[in-house]
Amino acid sequence: MMAGHPQTPMTNQQSESMNLETEVKLLADRAEELIKTLKRLQADNHQLRLQQEQLSAEKVELQDRNRQAKQRIDLIVERLRSLESD
C-alpha cells in the first residue's frame, strides 16, 4: 500500500478544465512557433530582396559595359573598313 495522501477521484469539471488548459497551452506553443517562423521568413525575404536589388544593379552595369564594348568594336571595325577602301 502507498503511504501518503489518499487520492480523490477527479470530477468531470476538473478533468474538462485540465483538458482545456492543455489545449490552450498547445495552442499557445503553436502560436509561438508560427511567430518565430514568420519572423524568420520576413528576415529571409528582406535578404532576398536586397540580393535581388544588388543583382539587378549588376545586370544594368554589365549591360552598359557590353553596350560600350560593342560601340568600341563597331568603331574599330569601321576604321578597318575605311583603311581597306583606301
Protein backbone atom coordinates (compact mmCIF):
# COMPACT_ATOMS: atom_id res chain seq x y z
CA MET A 1 0.00 0.00 0.00
CA MET A 2 1.11 3.52 -0.71
CA ALA A 3 1.52 5.87 2.16
CA GLY A 4 0.59 9.48 1.70
CA HIS A 5 -2.45 11.39 0.72
CA PRO A 6 -5.45 9.49 -0.36
CA GLN A 7 -6.38 10.28 -3.91
CA THR A 8 -9.79 11.71 -4.54
CA PRO A 9 -11.29 10.99 -7.92
CA MET A 10 -11.41 13.93 -10.32
CA THR A 11 -14.76 15.35 -11.17
CA ASN A 12 -15.75 15.76 -14.81
CA GLN A 13 -15.46 19.52 -14.39
CA GLN A 14 -11.85 19.22 -13.13
CA SER A 15 -11.00 16.84 -15.96
CA GLU A 16 -12.51 19.17 -18.58
CA SER A 17 -10.66 22.10 -17.04
CA MET A 18 -7.34 20.23 -17.31
CA ASN A 19 -8.07 19.29 -20.92
CA LEU A 20 -8.91 22.88 -21.74
CA GLU A 21 -5.72 24.11 -20.08
CA THR A 22 -3.70 21.55 -22.06
CA GLU A 23 -5.33 22.62 -25.31
CA VAL A 24 -4.71 26.31 -24.57
CA LYS A 25 -1.05 25.53 -23.78
CA LEU A 26 -0.69 23.60 -27.05
CA LEU A 27 -2.27 26.44 -29.00
CA ALA A 28 -0.02 28.99 -27.30
CA ASP A 29 3.06 26.88 -28.10
CA ARG A 30 1.94 26.53 -31.73
CA ALA A 31 1.32 30.28 -31.96
CA GLU A 32 4.86 30.92 -30.67
CA GLU A 33 6.28 28.56 -33.29
CA LEU A 34 4.31 30.32 -36.02
CA ILE A 35 5.51 33.74 -34.84
CA LYS A 36 9.13 32.55 -34.89
CA THR A 37 8.64 31.10 -38.37
CA LEU A 38 7.03 34.33 -39.56
CA LYS A 39 9.94 36.42 -38.24
CA ARG A 40 12.47 34.10 -39.89
CA LEU A 41 10.61 34.24 -43.20
CA GLN A 42 10.39 38.03 -43.01
CA ALA A 43 14.16 38.24 -42.43
CA ASP A 44 14.81 35.79 -45.29
CA ASN A 45 12.50 37.78 -47.56
CA HIS A 46 14.30 41.01 -46.69
CA GLN A 47 17.68 39.44 -47.51
CA LEU A 48 16.37 38.06 -50.80
CA ARG A 49 15.01 41.47 -51.78
CA LEU A 50 18.39 43.05 -51.05
CA GLN A 51 20.11 40.39 -53.16
CA GLN A 52 17.62 40.94 -55.97
CA GLU A 53 18.27 44.70 -55.93
CA GLN A 54 22.03 44.10 -55.99
CA LEU A 55 21.79 41.62 -58.86
CA SER A 56 19.53 43.97 -60.82
CA ALA A 57 22.06 46.79 -60.40
CA GLU A 58 24.88 44.47 -61.51
CA LYS A 59 22.85 43.44 -64.55
CA VAL A 60 22.30 47.06 -65.57
CA GLU A 61 26.02 47.78 -65.12
CA LEU A 62 27.02 44.73 -67.21
CA GLN A 63 24.54 45.64 -69.93
CA ASP A 64 26.02 49.15 -70.05
CA ARG A 65 29.57 47.80 -70.23
CA ASN A 66 28.56 45.41 -73.03
CA ARG A 67 26.95 48.28 -74.92
CA GLN A 68 30.12 50.36 -74.57
CA ALA A 69 32.31 47.45 -75.68
CA LYS A 70 30.09 46.88 -78.72
CA GLN A 71 30.36 50.56 -79.64
CA ARG A 72 34.16 50.40 -79.41
CA ILE A 73 34.24 47.25 -81.52
CA ASP A 74 31.92 48.84 -84.09
CA LEU A 75 34.26 51.85 -84.28
CA ILE A 76 37.30 49.60 -84.75
CA VAL A 77 35.53 47.62 -87.47
CA GLU A 78 34.53 50.88 -89.19
CA ARG A 79 38.13 52.12 -89.10
CA LEU A 80 39.38 48.83 -90.53
CA ARG A 81 36.85 49.05 -93.36
CA SER A 82 37.88 52.61 -94.12
CA LEU A 83 41.56 51.54 -94.21
CA GLU A 84 40.69 48.73 -96.64
CA SER A 85 38.94 51.09 -99.01
CA ASP A 86 41.90 53.48 -99.14
